[in-house]
Amino acid sequence: STQEFAMRFTSTPRGARLARRLVSLRLDEWGHPYDGRVNEAVT
């Protein structure tokens, strides 16, 4: 089973912040909690 998330972001600081937040949120939804090693590293 593979989970995937893909999205385009504006090339702005706001776009970069949104990308980081959505990565963290998606990892949490996939079972890697916000304070877990994988979520923190990938974020």
Full PDB file with SEQRES, HELIX, SHEET, SSBOND, CRYST1, ORIGX, SCALE, CONECT and MASTER records, all heavy atoms in Angstrom:
SEQRES   1 A   43  SER THR GLN GLU PHE ALA MET ARG PHE THR SER THR PRO          
SEQRES   2 A   43  ARG GLY ALA ARG LEU ALA ARG ARG LEU VAL SER LEU ARG          
SEQRES   3 A   43  LEU ASP GLU TRP GLY HIS PRO TYR ASP GLY ARG VAL ASN          
SEQRES   4 A   43  GLU ALA VAL THR                                              
HELIX    1 AA1 PRO A   13  GLU A   29  1                                  17    
HELIX    2 AA2 ARG A   37  VAL A   42  1                                   6    
CRYST1    1.000    1.000    1.000  90.00  90.00  90.00 P 1           1          
ORIGX1      1.000000  0.000000  0.000000        0.00000                         
ORIGX2      0.000000  1.000000  0.000000        0.00000                         
ORIGX3      0.000000  0.000000  1.000000        0.00000                         
SCALE1      1.000000  0.000000  0.000000        0.00000                         
SCALE2      0.000000  1.000000  0.000000        0.00000                         
SCALE3      0.000000  0.000000  1.000000        0.00000                         
ATOM      1  N   SER A   1       0.851  -1.187   0.000  1.00  0.00           N  
ATOM      2  CA  SER A   1       0.000   0.000   0.000  1.00  0.00           C  
ATOM      3  C   SER A   1       0.888   1.239   0.000  1.00  0.00           C  
ATOM      4  O   SER A   1       1.754   1.393   0.847  1.00  0.00           O  
ATOM      5  CB  SER A   1      -0.878  -0.038   1.245  1.00  0.00           C  
ATOM      6  OG  SER A   1      -1.320   1.238   1.572  1.00  0.00           O  
ATOM      7  N   THR A   2       0.667   2.124  -0.969  1.00  0.00           N  
ATOM      8  CA  THR A   2       1.438   3.356  -1.039  1.00  0.00           C  
ATOM      9  C   THR A   2       0.490   4.535  -0.936  1.00  0.00           C  
ATOM     10  O   THR A   2      -0.551   4.552  -1.562  1.00  0.00           O  
ATOM     11  CB  THR A   2       2.216   3.436  -2.371  1.00  0.00           C  
ATOM     12  OG1 THR A   2       3.084   2.324  -2.465  1.00  0.00           O  
ATOM     13  CG2 THR A   2       3.019   4.714  -2.445  1.00  0.00           C  
ATOM     14  N   GLN A   3       0.884   5.486  -0.116  1.00  0.00           N  
ATOM     15  CA  GLN A   3       0.114   6.714   0.023  1.00  0.00           C  
ATOM     16  C   GLN A   3       0.849   7.794  -0.741  1.00  0.00           C  
ATOM     17  O   GLN A   3       2.076   7.814  -0.769  1.00  0.00           O  
ATOM     18  CB  GLN A   3      -0.005   7.078   1.502  1.00  0.00           C  
ATOM     19  CG  GLN A   3      -0.720   5.995   2.289  1.00  0.00           C  
ATOM     20  CD  GLN A   3      -0.364   6.029   3.749  1.00  0.00           C  
ATOM     21  OE1 GLN A   3       0.796   6.094   4.109  1.00  0.00           O  
ATOM     22  NE2 GLN A   3      -1.362   5.953   4.593  1.00  0.00           N  
ATOM     23  N   GLU A   4       0.099   8.712  -1.350  1.00  0.00           N  
ATOM     24  CA  GLU A   4       0.753   9.759  -2.129  1.00  0.00           C  
ATOM     25  C   GLU A   4      -0.007  11.075  -1.997  1.00  0.00           C  
ATOM     26  O   GLU A   4      -1.232  11.103  -1.931  1.00  0.00           O  
ATOM     27  CB  GLU A   4       0.831   9.357  -3.598  1.00  0.00           C  
ATOM     28  CG  GLU A   4       1.604  10.346  -4.435  1.00  0.00           C  
ATOM     29  CD  GLU A   4       1.889   9.841  -5.836  1.00  0.00           C  
ATOM     30  OE1 GLU A   4       1.879   8.622  -6.063  1.00  0.00           O  
ATOM     31  OE2 GLU A   4       2.141  10.684  -6.700  1.00  0.00           O  
ATOM     32  N   PHE A   5       0.770  12.143  -1.960  1.00  0.00           N  
ATOM     33  CA  PHE A   5       0.241  13.494  -1.970  1.00  0.00           C  
ATOM     34  C   PHE A   5       1.108  14.291  -2.929  1.00  0.00           C  
ATOM     35  O   PHE A   5       2.337  14.216  -2.861  1.00  0.00           O  
ATOM     36  CB  PHE A   5       0.313  14.107  -0.567  1.00  0.00           C  
ATOM     37  CG  PHE A   5       0.062  15.587  -0.534  1.00  0.00           C  
ATOM     38  CD1 PHE A   5      -1.212  16.107  -0.712  1.00  0.00           C  
ATOM     39  CD2 PHE A   5       1.112  16.472  -0.339  1.00  0.00           C  
ATOM     40  CE1 PHE A   5      -1.434  17.472  -0.693  1.00  0.00           C  
ATOM     41  CE2 PHE A   5       0.900  17.839  -0.308  1.00  0.00           C  
ATOM     42  CZ  PHE A   5      -0.384  18.339  -0.490  1.00  0.00           C  
ATOM     43  N   ALA A   6       0.487  15.026  -3.829  1.00  0.00           N  
ATOM     44  CA  ALA A   6       1.244  15.855  -4.771  1.00  0.00           C  
ATOM     45  C   ALA A   6       0.469  17.142  -5.007  1.00  0.00           C  
ATOM     46  O   ALA A   6      -0.765  17.132  -5.086  1.00  0.00           O  
ATOM     47  CB  ALA A   6       1.463  15.118  -6.087  1.00  0.00           C  
ATOM     48  N   MET A   7       1.209  18.254  -5.110  1.00  0.00           N  
ATOM     49  CA  MET A   7       0.566  19.540  -5.301  1.00  0.00           C  
ATOM     50  C   MET A   7       1.575  20.552  -5.844  1.00  0.00           C  
ATOM     51  O   MET A   7       2.764  20.452  -5.566  1.00  0.00           O  
ATOM     52  CB  MET A   7       0.007  20.028  -3.965  1.00  0.00           C  
ATOM     53  CG  MET A   7      -0.867  21.218  -4.035  1.00  0.00           C  
ATOM     54  SD  MET A   7      -1.674  21.459  -2.424  1.00  0.00           S  
ATOM     55  CE  MET A   7      -2.497  22.990  -2.750  1.00  0.00           C  
ATOM     56  N   ARG A   8       1.074  21.518  -6.585  1.00  0.00           N  
ATOM     57  CA  ARG A   8       1.883  22.647  -7.043  1.00  0.00           C  
ATOM     58  C   ARG A   8       1.692  23.803  -6.070  1.00  0.00           C  
ATOM     59  O   ARG A   8       0.605  23.999  -5.552  1.00  0.00           O  
ATOM     60  CB  ARG A   8       1.465  23.084  -8.438  1.00  0.00           C  
ATOM     61  CG  ARG A   8       1.804  22.082  -9.484  1.00  0.00           C  
ATOM     62  CD  ARG A   8       1.703  22.672 -10.880  1.00  0.00           C  
ATOM     63  NE  ARG A   8       2.010  21.676 -11.866  1.00  0.00           N  
ATOM     64  CZ  ARG A   8       3.234  21.264 -12.188  1.00  0.00           C  
ATOM     65  NH1 ARG A   8       4.277  21.775 -11.592  1.00  0.00           N  
ATOM     66  NH2 ARG A   8       3.426  20.334 -13.096  1.00  0.00           N  
ATOM     67  N   PHE A   9       2.767  24.561  -5.865  1.00  0.00           N  
ATOM     68  CA  PHE A   9       2.736  25.699  -4.951  1.00  0.00           C  
ATOM     69  C   PHE A   9       3.347  26.909  -5.646  1.00  0.00           C  
ATOM     70  O   PHE A   9       4.266  26.768  -6.461  1.00  0.00           O  
ATOM     71  CB  PHE A   9       3.543  25.395  -3.681  1.00  0.00           C  
ATOM     72  CG  PHE A   9       2.960  24.276  -2.869  1.00  0.00           C  
ATOM     73  CD1 PHE A   9       3.353  22.968  -3.082  1.00  0.00           C  
ATOM     74  CD2 PHE A   9       2.011  24.532  -1.890  1.00  0.00           C  
ATOM     75  CE1 PHE A   9       2.815  21.930  -2.343  1.00  0.00           C  
ATOM     76  CE2 PHE A   9       1.473  23.499  -1.145  1.00  0.00           C  
ATOM     77  CZ  PHE A   9       1.869  22.192  -1.364  1.00  0.00           C  
ATOM     78  N   THR A  10       2.868  28.089  -5.282  1.00  0.00           N  
ATOM     79  CA  THR A  10       3.457  29.306  -5.822  1.00  0.00           C  
ATOM     80  C   THR A  10       4.893  29.424  -5.323  1.00  0.00           C  
ATOM     81  O   THR A  10       5.199  29.046  -4.189  1.00  0.00           O  
ATOM     82  CB  THR A  10       2.675  30.558  -5.396  1.00  0.00           C  
ATOM     83  OG1 THR A  10       2.656  30.637  -3.975  1.00  0.00           O  
ATOM     84  CG2 THR A  10       1.261  30.543  -5.948  1.00  0.00           C  
ATOM     85  N   SER A  11       5.750  29.932  -6.148  1.00  0.00           N  
ATOM     86  CA  SER A  11       7.164  30.092  -5.787  1.00  0.00           C  
ATOM     87  C   SER A  11       7.349  31.360  -4.960  1.00  0.00           C  
ATOM     88  O   SER A  11       8.015  32.317  -5.376  1.00  0.00           O  
ATOM     89  CB  SER A  11       8.034  30.116  -7.041  1.00  0.00           C  
ATOM     90  OG  SER A  11       8.052  28.850  -7.640  1.00  0.00           O  
ATOM     91  N   THR A  12       6.750  31.343  -3.780  1.00  0.00           N  
ATOM     92  CA  THR A  12       6.806  32.454  -2.837  1.00  0.00           C  
ATOM     93  C   THR A  12       7.059  31.896  -1.448  1.00  0.00           C  
ATOM     94  O   THR A  12       6.836  30.698  -1.205  1.00  0.00           O  
ATOM     95  CB  THR A  12       5.466  33.223  -2.805  1.00  0.00           C  
ATOM     96  OG1 THR A  12       4.444  32.336  -2.321  1.00  0.00           O  
ATOM     97  CG2 THR A  12       5.092  33.764  -4.182  1.00  0.00           C  
ATOM     98  N   PRO A  13       7.498  32.726  -0.498  1.00  0.00           N  
ATOM     99  CA  PRO A  13       7.639  32.240   0.879  1.00  0.00           C  
ATOM    100  C   PRO A  13       6.332  31.661   1.428  1.00  0.00           C  
ATOM    101  O   PRO A  13       6.340  30.668   2.155  1.00  0.00           O  
ATOM    102  CB  PRO A  13       8.072  33.484   1.652  1.00  0.00           C  
ATOM    103  CG  PRO A  13       8.810  34.303   0.638  1.00  0.00           C  
ATOM    104  CD  PRO A  13       8.031  34.092  -0.648  1.00  0.00           C  
ATOM    105  N   ARG A  14       5.212  32.259   1.059  1.00  0.00           N  
ATOM    106  CA  ARG A  14       3.918  31.740   1.512  1.00  0.00           C  
ATOM    107  C   ARG A  14       3.674  30.337   0.951  1.00  0.00           C  
ATOM    108  O   ARG A  14       3.170  29.455   1.647  1.00  0.00           O  
ATOM    109  CB  ARG A  14       2.811  32.694   1.078  1.00  0.00           C  
ATOM    110  CG  ARG A  14       1.467  32.316   1.598  1.00  0.00           C  
ATOM    111  CD  ARG A  14       0.438  33.351   1.223  1.00  0.00           C  
ATOM    112  NE  ARG A  14      -0.831  33.023   1.832  1.00  0.00           N  
ATOM    113  CZ  ARG A  14      -1.904  33.719   1.666  1.00  0.00           C  
ATOM    114  NH1 ARG A  14      -1.879  34.819   0.932  1.00  0.00           N  
ATOM    115  NH2 ARG A  14      -3.026  33.353   2.227  1.00  0.00           N  
ATOM    116  N   GLY A  15       4.003  30.121  -0.318  1.00  0.00           N  
ATOM    117  CA  GLY A  15       3.865  28.800  -0.919  1.00  0.00           C  
ATOM    118  C   GLY A  15       4.751  27.773  -0.221  1.00  0.00           C  
ATOM    119  O   GLY A  15       4.337  26.637   0.003  1.00  0.00           O  
ATOM    120  N   ALA A  16       5.972  28.163   0.134  1.00  0.00           N  
ATOM    121  CA  ALA A  16       6.890  27.260   0.838  1.00  0.00           C  
ATOM    122  C   ALA A  16       6.344  26.892   2.216  1.00  0.00           C  
ATOM    123  O   ALA A  16       6.415  25.728   2.639  1.00  0.00           O  
ATOM    124  CB  ALA A  16       8.272  27.899   0.953  1.00  0.00           C  
ATOM    125  N   ARG A  17       5.786  27.872   2.937  1.00  0.00           N  
ATOM    126  CA  ARG A  17       5.200  27.596   4.259  1.00  0.00           C  
ATOM    127  C   ARG A  17       4.017  26.644   4.142  1.00  0.00           C  
ATOM    128  O   ARG A  17       3.875  25.707   4.929  1.00  0.00           O  
ATOM    129  CB  ARG A  17       4.735  28.892   4.934  1.00  0.00           C  
ATOM    130  CG  ARG A  17       5.810  29.652   5.645  1.00  0.00           C  
ATOM    131  CD  ARG A  17       5.242  30.762   6.529  1.00  0.00           C  
ATOM    132  NE  ARG A  17       4.309  31.649   5.858  1.00  0.00           N  
ATOM    133  CZ  ARG A  17       4.654  32.708   5.128  1.00  0.00           C  
ATOM    134  NH1 ARG A  17       5.927  33.006   4.957  1.00  0.00           N  
ATOM    135  NH2 ARG A  17       3.724  33.453   4.554  1.00  0.00           N  
ATOM    136  N   LEU A  18       3.160  26.882   3.158  1.00  0.00           N  
ATOM    137  CA  LEU A  18       2.003  26.017   2.962  1.00  0.00           C  
ATOM    138  C   LEU A  18       2.449  24.596   2.628  1.00  0.00           C  
ATOM    139  O   LEU A  18       1.889  23.621   3.149  1.00  0.00           O  
ATOM    140  CB  LEU A  18       1.108  26.572   1.849  1.00  0.00           C  
ATOM    141  CG  LEU A  18      -0.143  25.750   1.534  1.00  0.00           C  
ATOM    142  CD1 LEU A  18      -1.037  25.600   2.762  1.00  0.00           C  
ATOM    143  CD2 LEU A  18      -0.905  26.396   0.378  1.00  0.00           C  
ATOM    144  N   ALA A  19       3.454  24.450   1.792  1.00  0.00           N  
ATOM    145  CA  ALA A  19       3.971  23.118   1.442  1.00  0.00           C  
ATOM    146  C   ALA A  19       4.440  22.385   2.694  1.00  0.00           C  
ATOM    147  O   ALA A  19       4.089  21.226   2.910  1.00  0.00           O  
ATOM    148  CB  ALA A  19       5.111  23.251   0.431  1.00  0.00           C  
ATOM    149  N   ARG A  20       5.213  23.064   3.533  1.00  0.00           N  
ATOM    150  CA  ARG A  20       5.709  22.443   4.766  1.00  0.00           C  
ATOM    151  C   ARG A  20       4.552  22.013   5.666  1.00  0.00           C  
ATOM    152  O   ARG A  20       4.535  20.899   6.193  1.00  0.00           O  
ATOM    153  CB  ARG A  20       6.619  23.415   5.506  1.00  0.00           C  
ATOM    154  CG  ARG A  20       7.098  22.901   6.852  1.00  0.00           C  
ATOM    155  CD  ARG A  20       7.902  23.943   7.627  1.00  0.00           C  
ATOM    156  NE  ARG A  20       7.273  25.242   7.735  1.00  0.00           N  
ATOM    157  CZ  ARG A  20       6.319  25.564   8.627  1.00  0.00           C  
ATOM    158  NH1 ARG A  20       5.871  24.664   9.461  1.00  0.00           N  
ATOM    159  NH2 ARG A  20       5.830  26.792   8.672  1.00  0.00           N  
ATOM    160  N   ARG A  21       3.576  22.879   5.833  1.00  0.00           N  
ATOM    161  CA  ARG A  21       2.438  22.551   6.701  1.00  0.00           C  
ATOM    162  C   ARG A  21       1.633  21.370   6.173  1.00  0.00           C  
ATOM    163  O   ARG A  21       1.200  20.511   6.939  1.00  0.00           O  
ATOM    164  CB  ARG A  21       1.533  23.765   6.857  1.00  0.00           C  
ATOM    165  CG  ARG A  21       2.124  24.807   7.750  1.00  0.00           C  
ATOM    166  CD  ARG A  21       1.179  25.952   7.926  1.00  0.00           C  
ATOM    167  NE  ARG A  21       1.584  26.742   9.074  1.00  0.00           N  
ATOM    168  CZ  ARG A  21       0.986  27.841   9.443  1.00  0.00           C  
ATOM    169  NH1 ARG A  21      -0.066  28.283   8.773  1.00  0.00           N  
ATOM    170  NH2 ARG A  21       1.412  28.503  10.493  1.00  0.00           N  
ATOM    171  N   LEU A  22       1.422  21.324   4.860  1.00  0.00           N  
ATOM    172  CA  LEU A  22       0.651  20.226   4.291  1.00  0.00           C  
ATOM    173  C   LEU A  22       1.408  18.901   4.349  1.00  0.00           C  
ATOM    174  O   LEU A  22       0.800  17.846   4.521  1.00  0.00           O  
ATOM    175  CB  LEU A  22       0.221  20.557   2.866  1.00  0.00           C  
ATOM    176  CG  LEU A  22      -0.856  21.650   2.766  1.00  0.00           C  
ATOM    177  CD1 LEU A  22      -1.159  21.970   1.307  1.00  0.00           C  
ATOM    178  CD2 LEU A  22      -2.124  21.253   3.507  1.00  0.00           C  
ATOM    179  N   VAL A  23       2.735  18.943   4.236  1.00  0.00           N  
ATOM    180  CA  VAL A  23       3.534  17.721   4.408  1.00  0.00           C  
ATOM    181  C   VAL A  23       3.345  17.181   5.821  1.00  0.00           C  
ATOM    182  O   VAL A  23       3.066  15.998   6.020  1.00  0.00           O  
ATOM    183  CB  VAL A  23       5.030  17.978   4.107  1.00  0.00           C  
ATOM    184  CG1 VAL A  23       5.903  16.865   4.659  1.00  0.00           C  
ATOM    185  CG2 VAL A  23       5.244  18.129   2.608  1.00  0.00           C  
ATOM    186  N   SER A  24       3.464  18.034   6.808  1.00  0.00           N  
ATOM    187  CA  SER A  24       3.312  17.612   8.195  1.00  0.00           C  
ATOM    188  C   SER A  24       1.913  17.065   8.463  1.00  0.00           C  
ATOM    189  O   SER A  24       1.745  16.020   9.110  1.00  0.00           O  
ATOM    190  CB  SER A  24       3.631  18.779   9.134  1.00  0.00           C  
ATOM    191  OG  SER A  24       3.608  18.348  10.467  1.00  0.00           O  
ATOM    192  N   LEU A  25       0.892  17.762   7.965  1.00  0.00           N  
ATOM    193  CA  LEU A  25      -0.493  17.319   8.135  1.00  0.00           C  
ATOM    194  C   LEU A  25      -0.721  15.964   7.481  1.00  0.00           C  
ATOM    195  O   LEU A  25      -1.298  15.056   8.075  1.00  0.00           O  
ATOM    196  CB  LEU A  25      -1.447  18.355   7.538  1.00  0.00           C  
ATOM    197  CG  LEU A  25      -2.922  17.961   7.492  1.00  0.00           C  
ATOM    198  CD1 LEU A  25      -3.485  17.857   8.905  1.00  0.00           C  
ATOM    199  CD2 LEU A  25      -3.713  18.960   6.673  1.00  0.00           C  
ATOM    200  N   ARG A  26      -0.235  15.813   6.245  1.00  0.00           N  
ATOM    201  CA  ARG A  26      -0.438  14.548   5.530  1.00  0.00           C  
ATOM    202  C   ARG A  26       0.256  13.398   6.253  1.00  0.00           C  
ATOM    203  O   ARG A  26      -0.310  12.321   6.412  1.00  0.00           O  
ATOM    204  CB  ARG A  26       0.085  14.680   4.097  1.00  0.00           C  
ATOM    205  CG  ARG A  26      -0.324  13.575   3.188  1.00  0.00           C  
ATOM    206  CD  ARG A  26      -1.796  13.518   2.961  1.00  0.00           C  
ATOM    207  NE  ARG A  26      -2.227  14.785   2.386  1.00  0.00           N  
ATOM    208  CZ  ARG A  26      -3.463  15.043   1.994  1.00  0.00           C  
ATOM    209  NH1 ARG A  26      -4.387  14.140   2.105  1.00  0.00           N  
ATOM    210  NH2 ARG A  26      -3.782  16.210   1.489  1.00  0.00           N  
ATOM    211  N   LEU A  27       1.479  13.623   6.721  1.00  0.00           N  
ATOM    212  CA  LEU A  27       2.192  12.565   7.444  1.00  0.00           C  
ATOM    213  C   LEU A  27       1.440  12.174   8.715  1.00  0.00           C  
ATOM    214  O   LEU A  27       1.340  10.987   9.049  1.00  0.00           O  
ATOM    215  CB  LEU A  27       3.614  13.012   7.776  1.00  0.00           C  
ATOM    216  CG  LEU A  27       4.561  13.070   6.575  1.00  0.00           C  
ATOM    217  CD1 LEU A  27       5.844  13.796   6.952  1.00  0.00           C  
ATOM    218  CD2 LEU A  27       4.858  11.684   6.042  1.00  0.00           C  
ATOM    219  N   ASP A  28       0.893  13.150   9.422  1.00  0.00           N  
ATOM    220  CA  ASP A  28       0.104  12.853  10.618  1.00  0.00           C  
ATOM    221  C   ASP A  28      -1.113  12.004  10.249  1.00  0.00           C  
ATOM    222  O   ASP A  28      -1.417  11.017  10.930  1.00  0.00           O  
ATOM    223  CB  ASP A  28      -0.320  14.153  11.305  1.00  0.00           C  
ATOM    224  CG  ASP A  28      -1.075  13.889  12.598  1.00  0.00           C  
ATOM    225  OD1 ASP A  28      -0.460  13.336  13.542  1.00  0.00           O  
ATOM    226  OD2 ASP A  28      -2.284  14.221  12.651  1.00  0.00           O  
ATOM    227  N   GLU A  29      -1.782  12.349   9.160  1.00  0.00           N  
ATOM    228  CA  GLU A  29      -2.937  11.570   8.704  1.00  0.00           C  
ATOM    229  C   GLU A  29      -2.540  10.146   8.328  1.00  0.00           C  
ATOM    230  O   GLU A  29      -3.347   9.223   8.443  1.00  0.00           O  
ATOM    231  CB  GLU A  29      -3.594  12.253   7.502  1.00  0.00           C  
ATOM    232  CG  GLU A  29      -4.310  13.536   7.865  1.00  0.00           C  
ATOM    233  CD  GLU A  29      -4.824  14.283   6.641  1.00  0.00           C  
ATOM    234  OE1 GLU A  29      -4.494  13.901   5.482  1.00  0.00           O  
ATOM    235  OE2 GLU A  29      -5.552  15.275   6.844  1.00  0.00           O  
ATOM    236  N   TRP A  30      -1.306   9.958   7.866  1.00  0.00           N  
ATOM    237  CA  TRP A  30      -0.826   8.634   7.488  1.00  0.00           C  
ATOM    238  C   TRP A  30      -0.310   7.827   8.674  1.00  0.00           C  
ATOM    239  O   TRP A  30       0.205   6.726   8.505  1.00  0.00           O  
ATOM    240  CB  TRP A  30       0.289   8.749   6.454  1.00  0.00           C  
ATOM    241  CG  TRP A  30      -0.143   9.270   5.123  1.00  0.00           C  
ATOM    242  CD1 TRP A  30      -1.416   9.481   4.675  1.00  0.00           C  
ATOM    243  CD2 TRP A  30       0.716   9.648   4.047  1.00  0.00           C  
ATOM    244  NE1 TRP A  30      -1.382   9.975   3.394  1.00  0.00           N  
ATOM    245  CE2 TRP A  30      -0.098  10.087   2.981  1.00  0.00           C  
ATOM    246  CE3 TRP A  30       2.093   9.669   3.888  1.00  0.00           C  
ATOM    247  CZ2 TRP A  30       0.423  10.530   1.766  1.00  0.00           C  
ATOM    248  CZ3 TRP A  30       2.612  10.115   2.685  1.00  0.00           C  
ATOM    249  CH2 TRP A  30       1.780  10.526   1.630  1.00  0.00           C  
ATOM    250  N   GLY A  31      -0.399   8.380   9.882  1.00  0.00           N  
ATOM    251  CA  GLY A  31       0.018   7.644  11.070  1.00  0.00           C  
ATOM    252  C   GLY A  31       1.391   7.993  11.592  1.00  0.00           C  
ATOM    253  O   GLY A  31       1.917   7.305  12.458  1.00  0.00           O  
ATOM    254  N   HIS A  32       1.990   9.066  11.088  1.00  0.00           N  
ATOM    255  CA  HIS A  32       3.282   9.537  11.580  1.00  0.00           C  
ATOM    256  C   HIS A  32       3.015  10.824  12.359  1.00  0.00           C  
ATOM    257  O   HIS A  32       2.898  11.899  11.760  1.00  0.00           O  
ATOM    258  CB  HIS A  32       4.261   9.797  10.426  1.00  0.00           C  
ATOM    259  CG  HIS A  32       4.429   8.620   9.521  1.00  0.00           C  
ATOM    260  ND1 HIS A  32       5.080   7.470   9.919  1.00  0.00           N  
ATOM    261  CD2 HIS A  32       4.005   8.397   8.246  1.00  0.00           C  
ATOM    262  CE1 HIS A  32       5.060   6.599   8.919  1.00  0.00           C  
ATOM    263  NE2 HIS A  32       4.410   7.138   7.908  1.00  0.00           N  
ATOM    264  N   PRO A  33       2.866  10.732  13.680  1.00  0.00           N  
ATOM    265  CA  PRO A  33       2.439  11.888  14.482  1.00  0.00           C  
ATOM    266  C   PRO A  33       3.384  13.072  14.363  1.00  0.00           C  
ATOM    267  O   PRO A  33       4.573  12.927  14.083  1.00  0.00           O  
ATOM    268  CB  PRO A  33       2.403  11.350  15.909  1.00  0.00           C  
ATOM    269  CG  PRO A  33       3.132  10.062  15.890  1.00  0.00           C  
ATOM    270  CD  PRO A  33       3.164   9.561  14.489  1.00  0.00           C  
ATOM    271  N   TYR A  34       2.808  14.267  14.596  1.00  0.00           N  
ATOM    272  CA  TYR A  34       3.563  15.515  14.481  1.00  0.00           C  
ATOM    273  C   TYR A  34       4.870  15.480  15.255  1.00  0.00           C  
ATOM    274  O   TYR A  34       5.880  15.979  14.792  1.00  0.00           O  
ATOM    275  CB  TYR A  34       2.727  16.701  14.982  1.00  0.00           C  
ATOM    276  CG  TYR A  34       1.557  17.026  14.093  1.00  0.00           C  
ATOM    277  CD1 TYR A  34       0.251  16.805  14.520  1.00  0.00           C  
ATOM    278  CD2 TYR A  34       1.745  17.555  12.819  1.00  0.00           C  
ATOM    279  CE1 TYR A  34      -0.828  17.116  13.710  1.00  0.00           C  
ATOM    280  CE2 TYR A  34       0.666  17.856  11.997  1.00  0.00           C  
ATOM    281  CZ  TYR A  34      -0.614  17.636  12.452  1.00  0.00           C  
ATOM    282  OH  TYR A  34      -1.678  17.930  11.643  1.00  0.00           O  
ATOM    283  N   ASP A  35       4.872  14.890  16.431  1.00  0.00           N  
ATOM    284  CA  ASP A  35       6.079  14.869  17.264  1.00  0.00           C  
ATOM    285  C   ASP A  35       6.904  13.597  17.057  1.00  0.00           C  
ATOM    286  O   ASP A  35       7.843  13.340  17.802  1.00  0.00           O  
ATOM    287  CB  ASP A  35       5.735  15.060  18.738  1.00  0.00           C  
ATOM    288  CG  ASP A  35       4.837  13.956  19.278  1.00  0.00           C  
ATOM    289  OD1 ASP A  35       4.317  13.137  18.498  1.00  0.00           O  
ATOM    290  OD2 ASP A  35       4.649  13.918  20.509  1.00  0.00           O  
ATOM    291  N   GLY A  36       6.588  12.827  16.031  1.00  0.00           N  
ATOM    292  CA  GLY A  36       7.336  11.607  15.742  1.00  0.00           C  
ATOM    293  C   GLY A  36       8.566  11.879  14.895  1.00  0.00           C  
ATOM    294  O   GLY A  36       8.673  12.904  14.208  1.00  0.00           O  
ATOM    295  N   ARG A  37       9.491  10.946  14.904  1.00  0.00           N  
ATOM    296  CA  ARG A  37      10.763  11.089  14.183  1.00  0.00           C  
ATOM    297  C   ARG A  37      10.565  11.308  12.688  1.00  0.00           C  
ATOM    298  O   ARG A  37      11.171  12.203  12.095  1.00  0.00           O  
ATOM    299  CB  ARG A  37      11.623   9.837  14.420  1.00  0.00           C  
ATOM    300  CG  ARG A  37      12.962   9.855  13.676  1.00  0.00           C  
ATOM    301  CD  ARG A  37      13.678   8.510  13.737  1.00  0.00           C  
ATOM    302  NE  ARG A  37      12.967   7.462  13.031  1.00  0.00           N  
ATOM    303  CZ  ARG A  37      13.049   7.242  11.712  1.00  0.00           C  
ATOM    304  NH1 ARG A  37      13.795   8.000  10.959  1.00  0.00           N  
ATOM    305  NH2 ARG A  37      12.375   6.252  11.154  1.00  0.00           N  
ATOM    306  N   VAL A  38       9.715  10.524  12.056  1.00  0.00           N  
ATOM    307  CA  VAL A  38       9.528  10.630  10.613  1.00  0.00           C  
ATOM    308  C   VAL A  38       8.894  11.965  10.245  1.00  0.00           C  
ATOM    309  O   VAL A  38       9.359  12.651   9.338  1.00  0.00           O  
ATOM    310  CB  VAL A  38       8.691   9.448  10.071  1.00  0.00           C  
ATOM    311  CG1 VAL A  38       8.284   9.675   8.626  1.00  0.00           C  
ATOM    312  CG2 VAL A  38       9.481   8.151  10.205  1.00  0.00           C  
ATOM    313  N   ASN A  39       7.845  12.355  10.951  1.00  0.00           N  
ATOM    314  CA  ASN A  39       7.175  13.619  10.641  1.00  0.00           C  
ATOM    315  C   ASN A  39       8.129  14.793  10.820  1.00  0.00           C  
ATOM    316  O   ASN A  39       8.223  15.656   9.952  1.00  0.00           O  
ATOM    317  CB  ASN A  39       5.926  13.788  11.515  1.00  0.00           C  
ATOM    318  CG  ASN A  39       4.999  14.879  11.009  1.00  0.00           C  
ATOM    319  OD1 ASN A  39       5.423  15.982  10.706  1.00  0.00           O  
ATOM    320  ND2 ASN A  39       3.720  14.572  10.949  1.00  0.00           N  
ATOM    321  N   GLU A  40       8.840  14.818  11.921  1.00  0.00           N  
ATOM    322  CA  GLU A  40       9.767  15.926  12.154  1.00  0.00           C  
ATOM    323  C   GLU A  40      10.863  15.987  11.093  1.00  0.00           C  
ATOM    324  O   GLU A  40      11.179  17.055  10.577  1.00  0.00           O  
ATOM    325  CB  GLU A  40      10.367  15.833  13.553  1.00  0.00           C  
ATOM    326  CG  GLU A  40       9.368  16.165  14.644  1.00  0.00           C  
ATOM    327  CD  GLU A  40       9.942  16.100  16.047  1.00  0.00           C  
ATOM    328  OE1 GLU A  40      11.062  15.555  16.227  1.00  0.00           O  
ATOM    329  OE2 GLU A  40       9.265  16.577  16.966  1.00  0.00           O  
ATOM    330  N   ALA A  41      11.432  14.832  10.745  1.00  0.00           N  
ATOM    331  CA  ALA A  41      12.519  14.809   9.755  1.00  0.00           C  
ATOM    332  C   ALA A  41      12.024  15.232   8.376  1.00  0.00           C  
ATOM    333  O   ALA A  41      12.624  16.103   7.731  1.00  0.00           O  
ATOM    334  CB  ALA A  41      13.144  13.415   9.693  1.00  0.00           C  
ATOM    335  N   VAL A  42      10.931  14.635   7.912  1.00  0.00           N  
ATOM    336  CA  VAL A  42      10.446  14.932   6.565  1.00  0.00           C  
ATOM    337  C   VAL A  42       9.928  16.367   6.479  1.00  0.00           C  
ATOM    338  O   VAL A  42      10.121  17.041   5.459  1.00  0.00           O  
ATOM    339  CB  VAL A  42       9.391  13.894   6.118  1.00  0.00           C  
ATOM    340  CG1 VAL A  42       8.821  14.251   4.751  1.00  0.00           C  
ATOM    341  CG2 VAL A  42       9.995  12.496   6.087  1.00  0.00           C  
ATOM    342  N   THR A  43       9.312  16.857   7.543  1.00  0.00           N  
ATOM    343  CA  THR A  43       8.835  18.240   7.543  1.00  0.00           C  
ATOM    344  C   THR A  43      10.004  19.219   7.458  1.00  0.00           C  
ATOM    345  O   THR A  43       9.949  20.202   6.710  1.00  0.00           O  
ATOM    346  CB  THR A  43       7.964  18.516   8.783  1.00  0.00           C  
ATOM    347  OG1 THR A  43       6.812  17.664   8.740  1.00  0.00           O  
ATOM    348  CG2 THR A  43       7.513  19.958   8.836  1.00  0.00           C  
TER     349      THR A  43                                                      
MASTER        0    0    0    2    0    0    0    6  348    1    0    4          
END                                                                             
